[in-house]
PDB file of N, CA and C in Angstrom:
ATOM      1  N   UNK A   1     -33.283  35.974 -66.311  1.00  0.00           N
ATOM      2  CA  UNK A   1     -32.585  34.819 -65.804  1.00  0.00           C
ATOM      3  C   UNK A   1     -33.602  33.777 -65.350  1.00  0.00           C
ATOM      4  N   UNK A   2     -33.259  32.531 -65.538  1.00  0.00           N
ATOM      5  CA  UNK A   2     -34.113  31.437 -65.108  1.00  0.00           C
ATOM      6  C   UNK A   2     -34.188  31.380 -63.584  1.00  0.00           C
ATOM      7  N   UNK A   3     -35.265  30.874 -63.066  1.00  0.00           N
ATOM      8  CA  UNK A   3     -35.492  30.670 -61.634  1.00  0.00           C
ATOM      9  C   UNK A   3     -34.458  29.714 -61.037  1.00  0.00           C
ATOM     10  N   UNK A   4     -33.953  28.774 -61.857  1.00  0.00           N
ATOM     11  CA  UNK A   4     -32.998  27.761 -61.431  1.00  0.00           C
ATOM     12  C   UNK A   4     -31.847  27.728 -62.422  1.00  0.00           C
ATOM     13  N   UNK A   5     -30.625  27.883 -61.913  1.00  0.00           N
ATOM     14  CA  UNK A   5     -29.449  27.843 -62.781  1.00  0.00           C
ATOM     15  C   UNK A   5     -28.411  26.900 -62.179  1.00  0.00           C
ATOM     16  N   UNK A   6     -27.457  26.501 -63.013  1.00  0.00           N
ATOM     17  CA  UNK A   6     -26.368  25.634 -62.583  1.00  0.00           C
ATOM     18  C   UNK A   6     -25.146  25.916 -63.438  1.00  0.00           C
ATOM     19  N   UNK A   7     -24.004  25.517 -62.932  1.00  0.00           N
ATOM     20  CA  UNK A   7     -22.798  25.483 -63.748  1.00  0.00           C
ATOM     21  C   UNK A   7     -21.880  24.414 -63.183  1.00  0.00           C
ATOM     22  N   UNK A   8     -20.954  23.945 -64.031  1.00  0.00           N
ATOM     23  CA  UNK A   8     -20.004  22.917 -63.623  1.00  0.00           C
ATOM     24  C   UNK A   8     -18.597  23.416 -63.914  1.00  0.00           C
ATOM     25  N   UNK A   9     -17.740  23.313 -62.927  1.00  0.00           N
ATOM     26  CA  UNK A   9     -16.326  23.634 -63.091  1.00  0.00           C
ATOM     27  C   UNK A   9     -15.529  22.351 -62.895  1.00  0.00           C
ATOM     28  N   UNK A  10     -14.726  22.003 -63.890  1.00  0.00           N
ATOM     29  CA  UNK A  10     -13.818  20.865 -63.785  1.00  0.00           C
ATOM     30  C   UNK A  10     -12.591  21.361 -63.031  1.00  0.00           C
ATOM     31  N   UNK A  11     -12.471  20.993 -61.765  1.00  0.00           N
ATOM     32  CA  UNK A  11     -11.403  21.531 -60.927  1.00  0.00           C
ATOM     33  C   UNK A  11     -10.037  20.929 -61.258  1.00  0.00           C
ATOM     34  N   UNK A  12      -9.999  19.795 -61.930  1.00  0.00           N
ATOM     35  CA  UNK A  12      -8.723  19.221 -62.359  1.00  0.00           C
ATOM     36  C   UNK A  12      -8.123  20.057 -63.484  1.00  0.00           C
ATOM     37  N   UNK A  13      -8.968  20.456 -64.421  1.00  0.00           N
ATOM     38  CA  UNK A  13      -8.506  21.239 -65.569  1.00  0.00           C
ATOM     39  C   UNK A  13      -8.551  22.739 -65.309  1.00  0.00           C
ATOM     40  N   UNK A  14      -9.310  23.139 -64.278  1.00  0.00           N
ATOM     41  CA  UNK A  14      -9.433  24.561 -63.983  1.00  0.00           C
ATOM     42  C   UNK A  14     -10.238  25.325 -65.011  1.00  0.00           C
ATOM     43  N   UNK A  15     -11.249  24.656 -65.579  1.00  0.00           N
ATOM     44  CA  UNK A  15     -12.095  25.315 -66.582  1.00  0.00           C
ATOM     45  C   UNK A  15     -13.505  24.733 -66.539  1.00  0.00           C
ATOM     46  N   UNK A  16     -14.447  25.423 -67.166  1.00  0.00           N
ATOM     47  CA  UNK A  16     -15.826  24.915 -67.187  1.00  0.00           C
ATOM     48  C   UNK A  16     -15.907  23.557 -67.873  1.00  0.00           C
ATOM     49  N   UNK A  17     -16.863  22.759 -67.442  1.00  0.00           N
ATOM     50  CA  UNK A  17     -17.099  21.440 -68.025  1.00  0.00           C
ATOM     51  C   UNK A  17     -18.193  21.568 -69.088  1.00  0.00           C
ATOM     52  N   UNK A  18     -17.791  21.570 -70.333  1.00  0.00           N
ATOM     53  CA  UNK A  18     -18.724  21.704 -71.454  1.00  0.00           C
ATOM     54  C   UNK A  18     -19.230  20.335 -71.893  1.00  0.00           C
ATOM     55  N   UNK A  19     -20.460  20.310 -72.385  1.00  0.00           N
ATOM     56  CA  UNK A  19     -21.019  19.092 -72.957  1.00  0.00           C
ATOM     57  C   UNK A  19     -21.505  18.070 -71.948  1.00  0.00           C
ATOM     58  N   UNK A  20     -21.808  18.489 -70.728  1.00  0.00           N
ATOM     59  CA  UNK A  20     -22.332  17.576 -69.711  1.00  0.00           C
ATOM     60  C   UNK A  20     -23.860  17.621 -69.751  1.00  0.00           C
ATOM     61  N   UNK A  21     -24.477  16.468 -69.874  1.00  0.00           N
ATOM     62  CA  UNK A  21     -25.928  16.382 -69.837  1.00  0.00           C
ATOM     63  C   UNK A  21     -26.399  16.469 -68.391  1.00  0.00           C
ATOM     64  N   UNK A  22     -27.440  17.262 -68.181  1.00  0.00           N
ATOM     65  CA  UNK A  22     -28.035  17.431 -66.856  1.00  0.00           C
ATOM     66  C   UNK A  22     -29.541  17.237 -66.994  1.00  0.00           C
ATOM     67  N   UNK A  23     -30.111  16.466 -66.070  1.00  0.00           N
ATOM     68  CA  UNK A  23     -31.560  16.284 -66.023  1.00  0.00           C
ATOM     69  C   UNK A  23     -32.067  16.826 -64.692  1.00  0.00           C
ATOM     70  N   UNK A  24     -33.199  17.507 -64.745  1.00  0.00           N
ATOM     71  CA  UNK A  24     -33.868  18.020 -63.563  1.00  0.00           C
ATOM     72  C   UNK A  24     -35.095  17.161 -63.300  1.00  0.00           C
ATOM     73  N   UNK A  25     -35.239  16.732 -62.042  1.00  0.00           N
ATOM     74  CA  UNK A  25     -36.371  15.905 -61.636  1.00  0.00           C
ATOM     75  C   UNK A  25     -37.098  16.564 -60.475  1.00  0.00           C
ATOM     76  N   UNK A  26     -38.388  16.350 -60.414  1.00  0.00           N
ATOM     77  CA  UNK A  26     -39.187  16.758 -59.267  1.00  0.00           C
ATOM     78  C   UNK A  26     -39.705  15.526 -58.555  1.00  0.00           C
ATOM     79  N   UNK A  27     -39.750  15.589 -57.228  1.00  0.00           N
ATOM     80  CA  UNK A  27     -40.257  14.455 -56.457  1.00  0.00           C
ATOM     81  C   UNK A  27     -41.782  14.529 -56.397  1.00  0.00           C
ATOM     82  N   UNK A  28     -42.411  13.418 -56.738  1.00  0.00           N
ATOM     83  CA  UNK A  28     -43.872  13.349 -56.706  1.00  0.00           C
ATOM     84  C   UNK A  28     -44.273  11.971 -56.201  1.00  0.00           C
ATOM     85  N   UNK A  29     -44.948  11.950 -55.070  1.00  0.00           N
ATOM     86  CA  UNK A  29     -45.438  10.696 -54.475  1.00  0.00           C
ATOM     87  C   UNK A  29     -44.310   9.670 -54.338  1.00  0.00           C
ATOM     88  N   UNK A  30     -43.198  10.096 -53.777  1.00  0.00           N
ATOM     89  CA  UNK A  30     -42.040   9.233 -53.504  1.00  0.00           C
ATOM     90  C   UNK A  30     -41.390   8.653 -54.751  1.00  0.00           C
ATOM     91  N   UNK A  31     -41.595   9.275 -55.890  1.00  0.00           N
ATOM     92  CA  UNK A  31     -40.882   8.903 -57.105  1.00  0.00           C
ATOM     93  C   UNK A  31     -40.424  10.199 -57.789  1.00  0.00           C
ATOM     94  N   UNK A  32     -39.586  10.051 -58.804  1.00  0.00           N
ATOM     95  CA  UNK A  32     -39.011  11.217 -59.484  1.00  0.00           C
ATOM     96  C   UNK A  32     -39.551  11.306 -60.902  1.00  0.00           C
ATOM     97  N   UNK A  33     -39.962  12.520 -61.283  1.00  0.00           N
ATOM     98  CA  UNK A  33     -40.442  12.778 -62.640  1.00  0.00           C
ATOM     99  C   UNK A  33     -39.479  13.750 -63.302  1.00  0.00           C
ATOM    100  N   UNK A  34     -38.998  13.392 -64.491  1.00  0.00           N
ATOM    101  CA  UNK A  34     -38.093  14.293 -65.214  1.00  0.00           C
ATOM    102  C   UNK A  34     -38.872  15.513 -65.701  1.00  0.00           C
ATOM    103  N   UNK A  35     -38.325  16.692 -65.409  1.00  0.00           N
ATOM    104  CA  UNK A  35     -38.958  17.955 -65.777  1.00  0.00           C
ATOM    105  C   UNK A  35     -38.244  18.671 -66.917  1.00  0.00           C
ATOM    106  N   UNK A  36     -36.940  18.486 -67.004  1.00  0.00           N
ATOM    107  CA  UNK A  36     -36.154  19.182 -68.025  1.00  0.00           C
ATOM    108  C   UNK A  36     -34.834  18.457 -68.207  1.00  0.00           C
ATOM    109  N   UNK A  37     -34.202  18.691 -69.375  1.00  0.00           N
ATOM    110  CA  UNK A  37     -32.905  18.094 -69.679  1.00  0.00           C
ATOM    111  C   UNK A  37     -32.176  19.039 -70.614  1.00  0.00           C
ATOM    112  N   UNK A  38     -30.882  19.148 -70.406  1.00  0.00           N
ATOM    113  CA  UNK A  38     -30.072  19.996 -71.267  1.00  0.00           C
ATOM    114  C   UNK A  38     -28.613  19.607 -71.184  1.00  0.00           C
ATOM    115  N   UNK A  39     -27.792  20.361 -71.911  1.00  0.00           N
ATOM    116  CA  UNK A  39     -26.351  20.094 -71.944  1.00  0.00           C
ATOM    117  C   UNK A  39     -25.601  21.399 -71.732  1.00  0.00           C
ATOM    118  N   UNK A  40     -24.539  21.333 -70.931  1.00  0.00           N
ATOM    119  CA  UNK A  40     -23.777  22.546 -70.632  1.00  0.00           C
ATOM    120  C   UNK A  40     -23.082  23.084 -71.874  1.00  0.00           C
ATOM    121  N   UNK A  41     -23.003  24.404 -71.924  1.00  0.00           N
ATOM    122  CA  UNK A  41     -22.322  25.085 -73.032  1.00  0.00           C
ATOM    123  C   UNK A  41     -20.825  25.214 -72.729  1.00  0.00           C
ATOM    124  N   UNK A  42     -20.117  25.970 -73.534  1.00  0.00           N
ATOM    125  CA  UNK A  42     -18.666  26.140 -73.369  1.00  0.00           C
ATOM    126  C   UNK A  42     -18.308  26.791 -72.041  1.00  0.00           C
ATOM    127  N   UNK A  43     -19.247  27.494 -71.428  1.00  0.00           N
ATOM    128  CA  UNK A  43     -19.038  28.128 -70.129  1.00  0.00           C
ATOM    129  C   UNK A  43     -19.474  27.221 -68.975  1.00  0.00           C
ATOM    130  N   UNK A  44     -19.835  25.962 -69.284  1.00  0.00           N
ATOM    131  CA  UNK A  44     -20.250  25.019 -68.253  1.00  0.00           C
ATOM    132  C   UNK A  44     -21.638  25.286 -67.701  1.00  0.00           C
ATOM    133  N   UNK A  45     -22.438  26.057 -68.439  1.00  0.00           N
ATOM    134  CA  UNK A  45     -23.772  26.451 -67.972  1.00  0.00           C
ATOM    135  C   UNK A  45     -24.852  25.989 -68.946  1.00  0.00           C
ATOM    136  N   UNK A  46     -26.070  25.916 -68.431  1.00  0.00           N
ATOM    137  CA  UNK A  46     -27.253  25.691 -69.271  1.00  0.00           C
ATOM    138  C   UNK A  46     -28.146  26.910 -69.058  1.00  0.00           C
ATOM    139  N   UNK A  47     -28.117  27.854 -69.975  1.00  0.00           N
ATOM    140  CA  UNK A  47     -28.881  29.088 -69.759  1.00  0.00           C
ATOM    141  C   UNK A  47     -30.391  28.925 -69.855  1.00  0.00           C
ATOM    142  N   UNK A  48     -30.861  27.844 -70.453  1.00  0.00           N
ATOM    143  CA  UNK A  48     -32.298  27.706 -70.691  1.00  0.00           C
ATOM    144  C   UNK A  48     -32.848  26.360 -70.231  1.00  0.00           C
ATOM    145  N   UNK A  49     -32.359  25.840 -69.099  1.00  0.00           N
ATOM    146  CA  UNK A  49     -32.885  24.565 -68.604  1.00  0.00           C
ATOM    147  C   UNK A  49     -34.384  24.684 -68.339  1.00  0.00           C
ATOM    148  N   UNK A  50     -34.786  25.815 -67.763  1.00  0.00           N
ATOM    149  CA  UNK A  50     -36.206  26.138 -67.580  1.00  0.00           C
ATOM    150  C   UNK A  50     -36.480  27.455 -68.289  1.00  0.00           C
ATOM    151  N   UNK A  51     -37.672  27.641 -68.816  1.00  0.00           N
ATOM    152  CA  UNK A  51     -38.013  28.940 -69.393  1.00  0.00           C
ATOM    153  C   UNK A  51     -37.860  30.054 -68.350  1.00  0.00           C
ATOM    154  N   UNK A  52     -37.478  31.231 -68.787  1.00  0.00           N
ATOM    155  CA  UNK A  52     -37.189  32.357 -67.893  1.00  0.00           C
ATOM    156  C   UNK A  52     -38.340  32.686 -66.958  1.00  0.00           C
ATOM    157  N   UNK A  53     -39.556  32.573 -67.424  1.00  0.00           N
ATOM    158  CA  UNK A  53     -40.701  32.964 -66.595  1.00  0.00           C
ATOM    159  C   UNK A  53     -41.299  31.814 -65.778  1.00  0.00           C
ATOM    160  N   UNK A  54     -40.706  30.622 -65.852  1.00  0.00           N
ATOM    161  CA  UNK A  54     -41.200  29.479 -65.078  1.00  0.00           C
ATOM    162  C   UNK A  54     -40.544  29.437 -63.706  1.00  0.00           C
ATOM    163  N   UNK A  55     -41.356  29.402 -62.657  1.00  0.00           N
ATOM    164  CA  UNK A  55     -40.865  29.228 -61.291  1.00  0.00           C
ATOM    165  C   UNK A  55     -41.324  27.859 -60.800  1.00  0.00           C
ATOM    166  N   UNK A  56     -40.422  27.136 -60.186  1.00  0.00           N
ATOM    167  CA  UNK A  56     -40.776  25.823 -59.655  1.00  0.00           C
ATOM    168  C   UNK A  56     -41.592  25.975 -58.381  1.00  0.00           C
ATOM    169  N   UNK A  57     -42.601  25.154 -58.200  1.00  0.00           N
ATOM    170  CA  UNK A  57     -43.350  25.196 -56.943  1.00  0.00           C
ATOM    171  C   UNK A  57     -42.493  24.677 -55.785  1.00  0.00           C
ATOM    172  N   UNK A  58     -42.901  25.027 -54.575  1.00  0.00           N
ATOM    173  CA  UNK A  58     -42.230  24.522 -53.380  1.00  0.00           C
ATOM    174  C   UNK A  58     -42.197  22.998 -53.457  1.00  0.00           C
ATOM    175  N   UNK A  59     -41.036  22.411 -53.144  1.00  0.00           N
ATOM    176  CA  UNK A  59     -40.924  20.959 -53.178  1.00  0.00           C
ATOM    177  C   UNK A  59     -39.477  20.518 -53.218  1.00  0.00           C
ATOM    178  N   UNK A  60     -39.282  19.223 -53.390  1.00  0.00           N
ATOM    179  CA  UNK A  60     -37.957  18.616 -53.447  1.00  0.00           C
ATOM    180  C   UNK A  60     -37.638  18.267 -54.894  1.00  0.00           C
ATOM    181  N   UNK A  61     -36.407  18.584 -55.291  1.00  0.00           N
ATOM    182  CA  UNK A  61     -35.954  18.402 -56.667  1.00  0.00           C
ATOM    183  C   UNK A  61     -34.560  17.793 -56.654  1.00  0.00           C
ATOM    184  N   UNK A  62     -34.143  17.295 -57.809  1.00  0.00           N
ATOM    185  CA  UNK A  62     -32.755  16.870 -57.938  1.00  0.00           C
ATOM    186  C   UNK A  62     -32.274  17.150 -59.345  1.00  0.00           C
ATOM    187  N   UNK A  63     -30.983  17.433 -59.420  1.00  0.00           N
ATOM    188  CA  UNK A  63     -30.296  17.536 -60.701  1.00  0.00           C
ATOM    189  C   UNK A  63     -29.377  16.334 -60.808  1.00  0.00           C
ATOM    190  N   UNK A  64     -29.439  15.668 -61.939  1.00  0.00           N
ATOM    191  CA  UNK A  64     -28.561  14.536 -62.205  1.00  0.00           C
ATOM    192  C   UNK A  64     -27.571  14.956 -63.280  1.00  0.00           C
ATOM    193  N   UNK A  65     -26.300  14.920 -62.943  1.00  0.00           N
ATOM    194  CA  UNK A  65     -25.208  15.300 -63.834  1.00  0.00           C
ATOM    195  C   UNK A  65     -24.581  14.013 -64.368  1.00  0.00           C
ATOM    196  N   UNK A  66     -24.610  13.818 -65.677  1.00  0.00           N
ATOM    197  CA  UNK A  66     -24.112  12.592 -66.297  1.00  0.00           C
ATOM    198  C   UNK A  66     -22.612  12.738 -66.551  1.00  0.00           C
ATOM    199  N   UNK A  67     -21.833  12.488 -65.515  1.00  0.00           N
ATOM    200  CA  UNK A  67     -20.394  12.772 -65.542  1.00  0.00           C
ATOM    201  C   UNK A  67     -19.585  11.718 -66.294  1.00  0.00           C
ATOM    202  N   UNK A  68     -20.042  10.478 -66.358  1.00  0.00           N
ATOM    203  CA  UNK A  68     -19.285   9.426 -67.053  1.00  0.00           C
ATOM    204  C   UNK A  68     -19.077   9.777 -68.518  1.00  0.00           C
ATOM    205  N   UNK A  69     -20.107  10.297 -69.174  1.00  0.00           N
ATOM    206  CA  UNK A  69     -20.008  10.679 -70.586  1.00  0.00           C
ATOM    207  C   UNK A  69     -18.948  11.765 -70.780  1.00  0.00           C
ATOM    208  N   UNK A  70     -18.955  12.740 -69.876  1.00  0.00           N
ATOM    209  CA  UNK A  70     -17.998  13.848 -69.950  1.00  0.00           C
ATOM    210  C   UNK A  70     -16.563  13.336 -69.820  1.00  0.00           C
ATOM    211  N   UNK A  71     -16.295  12.545 -68.787  1.00  0.00           N
ATOM    212  CA  UNK A  71     -14.929  12.061 -68.578  1.00  0.00           C
ATOM    213  C   UNK A  71     -14.500  11.081 -69.664  1.00  0.00           C
ATOM    214  N   UNK A  72     -15.426  10.290 -70.205  1.00  0.00           N
ATOM    215  CA  UNK A  72     -15.095   9.378 -71.310  1.00  0.00           C
ATOM    216  C   UNK A  72     -14.603  10.168 -72.520  1.00  0.00           C
ATOM    217  N   UNK A  73     -15.250  11.302 -72.814  1.00  0.00           N
ATOM    218  CA  UNK A  73     -14.801  12.140 -73.938  1.00  0.00           C
ATOM    219  C   UNK A  73     -13.390  12.678 -73.709  1.00  0.00           C
ATOM    220  N   UNK A  74     -13.032  12.883 -72.446  1.00  0.00           N
ATOM    221  CA  UNK A  74     -11.689  13.367 -72.116  1.00  0.00           C
ATOM    222  C   UNK A  74     -10.674  12.236 -72.026  1.00  0.00           C
ATOM    223  N   UNK A  75     -11.137  10.985 -72.087  1.00  0.00           N
ATOM    224  CA  UNK A  75     -10.239   9.848 -71.938  1.00  0.00           C
ATOM    225  C   UNK A  75      -9.747   9.684 -70.509  1.00  0.00           C
ATOM    226  N   UNK A  76     -10.587  10.087 -69.552  1.00  0.00           N
ATOM    227  CA  UNK A  76     -10.231  10.068 -68.138  1.00  0.00           C
ATOM    228  C   UNK A  76     -11.140   9.110 -67.382  1.00  0.00           C
ATOM    229  N   UNK A  77     -10.549   8.232 -66.579  1.00  0.00           N
ATOM    230  CA  UNK A  77     -11.340   7.348 -65.724  1.00  0.00           C
ATOM    231  C   UNK A  77     -11.976   8.174 -64.615  1.00  0.00           C
ATOM    232  N   UNK A  78     -13.164   7.770 -64.194  1.00  0.00           N
ATOM    233  CA  UNK A  78     -13.843   8.462 -63.105  1.00  0.00           C
ATOM    234  C   UNK A  78     -14.484   7.450 -62.163  1.00  0.00           C
ATOM    235  N   UNK A  79     -14.582   7.816 -60.917  1.00  0.00           N
ATOM    236  CA  UNK A  79     -15.195   6.970 -59.910  1.00  0.00           C
ATOM    237  C   UNK A  79     -16.711   7.148 -59.887  1.00  0.00           C
ATOM    238  N   UNK A  80     -17.186   8.320 -60.295  1.00  0.00           N
ATOM    239  CA  UNK A  80     -18.608   8.658 -60.226  1.00  0.00           C
ATOM    240  C   UNK A  80     -19.217   8.705 -61.620  1.00  0.00           C
ATOM    241  N   UNK A  81     -20.060   7.736 -61.996  1.00  0.00           N
ATOM    242  CA  UNK A  81     -20.680   7.763 -63.317  1.00  0.00           C
ATOM    243  C   UNK A  81     -21.726   8.867 -63.453  1.00  0.00           C
ATOM    244  N   UNK A  82     -22.268   9.298 -62.329  1.00  0.00           N
ATOM    245  CA  UNK A  82     -23.173  10.443 -62.312  1.00  0.00           C
ATOM    246  C   UNK A  82     -23.157  11.038 -60.916  1.00  0.00           C
ATOM    247  N   UNK A  83     -23.637  12.273 -60.827  1.00  0.00           N
ATOM    248  CA  UNK A  83     -23.763  12.970 -59.549  1.00  0.00           C
ATOM    249  C   UNK A  83     -25.197  13.445 -59.449  1.00  0.00           C
ATOM    250  N   UNK A  84     -25.843  13.169 -58.321  1.00  0.00           N
ATOM    251  CA  UNK A  84     -27.193  13.664 -58.070  1.00  0.00           C
ATOM    252  C   UNK A  84     -27.155  14.635 -56.902  1.00  0.00           C
ATOM    253  N   UNK A  85     -27.708  15.798 -57.115  1.00  0.00           N
ATOM    254  CA  UNK A  85     -27.810  16.808 -56.064  1.00  0.00           C
ATOM    255  C   UNK A  85     -29.292  17.015 -55.790  1.00  0.00           C
ATOM    256  N   UNK A  86     -29.698  16.702 -54.572  1.00  0.00           N
ATOM    257  CA  UNK A  86     -31.092  16.846 -54.156  1.00  0.00           C
ATOM    258  C   UNK A  86     -31.197  18.120 -53.330  1.00  0.00           C
ATOM    259  N   UNK A  87     -32.227  18.914 -53.598  1.00  0.00           N
ATOM    260  CA  UNK A  87     -32.384  20.207 -52.932  1.00  0.00           C
ATOM    261  C   UNK A  87     -33.861  20.537 -52.787  1.00  0.00           C
ATOM    262  N   UNK A  88     -34.148  21.520 -51.951  1.00  0.00           N
ATOM    263  CA  UNK A  88     -35.519  21.936 -51.680  1.00  0.00           C
ATOM    264  C   UNK A  88     -35.750  23.355 -52.169  1.00  0.00           C
ATOM    265  N   UNK A  89     -36.801  23.551 -52.935  1.00  0.00           N
ATOM    266  CA  UNK A  89     -37.267  24.878 -53.326  1.00  0.00           C
ATOM    267  C   UNK A  89     -38.284  25.308 -52.270  1.00  0.00           C
ATOM    268  N   UNK A  90     -38.008  26.436 -51.612  1.00  0.00           N
ATOM    269  CA  UNK A  90     -38.898  26.871 -50.526  1.00  0.00           C
ATOM    270  C   UNK A  90     -39.621  28.174 -50.826  1.00  0.00           C
ATOM    271  N   UNK A  91     -39.358  28.756 -51.986  1.00  0.00           N
ATOM    272  CA  UNK A  91     -40.013  30.011 -52.334  1.00  0.00           C
ATOM    273  C   UNK A  91     -39.639  30.450 -53.733  1.00  0.00           C
ATOM    274  N   UNK A  92     -40.094  31.623 -54.136  1.00  0.00           N
ATOM    275  CA  UNK A  92     -39.946  32.073 -55.519  1.00  0.00           C
ATOM    276  C   UNK A  92     -38.587  32.684 -55.873  1.00  0.00           C
ATOM    277  N   UNK A  93     -37.646  32.728 -54.942  1.00  0.00           N
ATOM    278  CA  UNK A  93     -36.358  33.352 -55.262  1.00  0.00           C
ATOM    279  C   UNK A  93     -35.544  32.514 -56.241  1.00  0.00           C
ATOM    280  N   UNK A  94     -34.409  33.055 -56.680  1.00  0.00           N
ATOM    281  CA  UNK A  94     -33.501  32.383 -57.607  1.00  0.00           C
ATOM    282  C   UNK A  94     -32.686  31.321 -56.858  1.00  0.00           C
ATOM    283  N   UNK A  95     -32.486  30.163 -57.480  1.00  0.00           N
ATOM    284  CA  UNK A  95     -31.677  29.082 -56.925  1.00  0.00           C
ATOM    285  C   UNK A  95     -30.564  28.749 -57.915  1.00  0.00           C
ATOM    286  N   UNK A  96     -29.336  28.702 -57.405  1.00  0.00           N
ATOM    287  CA  UNK A  96     -28.182  28.360 -58.236  1.00  0.00           C
ATOM    288  C   UNK A  96     -27.514  27.135 -57.623  1.00  0.00           C
ATOM    289  N   UNK A  97     -27.356  26.075 -58.423  1.00  0.00           N
ATOM    290  CA  UNK A  97     -26.822  24.797 -57.958  1.00  0.00           C
ATOM    291  C   UNK A  97     -25.518  24.515 -58.720  1.00  0.00           C
ATOM    292  N   UNK A  98     -24.367  24.962 -58.198  1.00  0.00           N
ATOM    293  CA  UNK A  98     -23.107  24.699 -58.884  1.00  0.00           C
ATOM    294  C   UNK A  98     -22.516  23.339 -58.510  1.00  0.00           C
ATOM    295  N   UNK A  99     -21.703  22.800 -59.404  1.00  0.00           N
ATOM    296  CA  UNK A  99     -20.997  21.548 -59.168  1.00  0.00           C
ATOM    297  C   UNK A  99     -19.522  21.759 -59.478  1.00  0.00           C
ATOM    298  N   UNK A 100     -18.673  21.526 -58.491  1.00  0.00           N
ATOM    299  CA  UNK A 100     -17.224  21.526 -58.672  1.00  0.00           C
ATOM    300  C   UNK A 100     -16.824  20.066 -58.782  1.00  0.00           C
ATOM    301  N   UNK A 101     -16.209  19.700 -59.897  1.00  0.00           N
ATOM    302  CA  UNK A 101     -16.070  18.299 -60.270  1.00  0.00           C
ATOM    303  C   UNK A 101     -14.633  17.940 -60.604  1.00  0.00           C
ATOM    304  N   UNK A 102     -14.227  16.743 -60.192  1.00  0.00           N
ATOM    305  CA  UNK A 102     -12.997  16.129 -60.694  1.00  0.00           C
ATOM    306  C   UNK A 102     -13.263  14.628 -60.789  1.00  0.00           C
ATOM    307  N   UNK A 103     -12.387  13.847 -61.384  1.00  0.00           N
ATOM    308  CA  UNK A 103     -12.699  12.430 -61.614  1.00  0.00           C
ATOM    309  C   UNK A 103     -12.970  11.610 -60.353  1.00  0.00           C
ATOM    310  N   UNK A 104     -12.457  12.058 -59.212  1.00  0.00           N
ATOM    311  CA  UNK A 104     -12.590  11.258 -58.001  1.00  0.00           C
ATOM    312  C   UNK A 104     -13.202  12.017 -56.838  1.00  0.00           C
ATOM    313  N   UNK A 105     -13.900  13.103 -57.142  1.00  0.00           N
ATOM    314  CA  UNK A 105     -14.567  13.858 -56.095  1.00  0.00           C
ATOM    315  C   UNK A 105     -15.414  14.969 -56.674  1.00  0.00           C
ATOM    316  N   UNK A 106     -16.278  15.488 -55.828  1.00  0.00           N
ATOM    317  CA  UNK A 106     -17.104  16.629 -56.225  1.00  0.00           C
ATOM    318  C   UNK A 106     -17.587  17.340 -54.979  1.00  0.00           C
ATOM    319  N   UNK A 107     -18.000  18.584 -55.167  1.00  0.00           N
ATOM    320  CA  UNK A 107     -18.611  19.357 -54.093  1.00  0.00           C
ATOM    321  C   UNK A 107     -19.660  20.273 -54.706  1.00  0.00           C
ATOM    322  N   UNK A 108     -20.573  20.711 -53.871  1.00  0.00           N
ATOM    323  CA  UNK A 108     -21.626  21.614 -54.302  1.00  0.00           C
ATOM    324  C   UNK A 108     -21.994  22.523 -53.144  1.00  0.00           C
ATOM    325  N   UNK A 109     -22.745  23.543 -53.432  1.00  0.00           N
ATOM    326  CA  UNK A 109     -23.208  24.489 -52.436  1.00  0.00           C
ATOM    327  C   UNK A 109     -24.376  25.258 -53.035  1.00  0.00           C
ATOM    328  N   UNK A 110     -25.100  25.978 -52.226  1.00  0.00           N
ATOM    329  CA  UNK A 110     -26.153  26.838 -52.787  1.00  0.00           C
ATOM    330  C   UNK A 110     -25.495  28.143 -53.196  1.00  0.00           C
ATOM    331  N   UNK A 111     -25.478  28.388 -54.474  1.00  0.00           N
ATOM    332  CA  UNK A 111     -24.873  29.604 -55.002  1.00  0.00           C
ATOM    333  C   UNK A 111     -25.872  30.756 -55.011  1.00  0.00           C
ATOM    334  N   UNK A 112     -25.427  31.833 -55.612  1.00  0.00           N
ATOM    335  CA  UNK A 112     -26.292  33.014 -55.684  1.00  0.00           C
ATOM    336  C   UNK A 112     -26.495  33.444 -57.120  1.00  0.00           C
TER     337      UNK A 112
END
């Protein structure tokens, strides 16, 4: 399993959000550098955003979820064109960053 995982659940439809582009950024000198990019599969996950043996160093990171593209494909208006979740990696353990999404709201938490 990758050191960092994510998944998206479309809470309006009650199913995973497939085909959402996600970019991972690391903070460096008060700016953001893109480290990886992928698209969710039919299960709303990206199994290979980072190689399995890659661990992120301690630091601040963010995942950017490109939600406007997803909702446009569904023909649904949305208030949030993207969602950014900023988080801190403090050690070598596994980090799971889930996103519960609907057109007019979202929530996240540190998963397991």
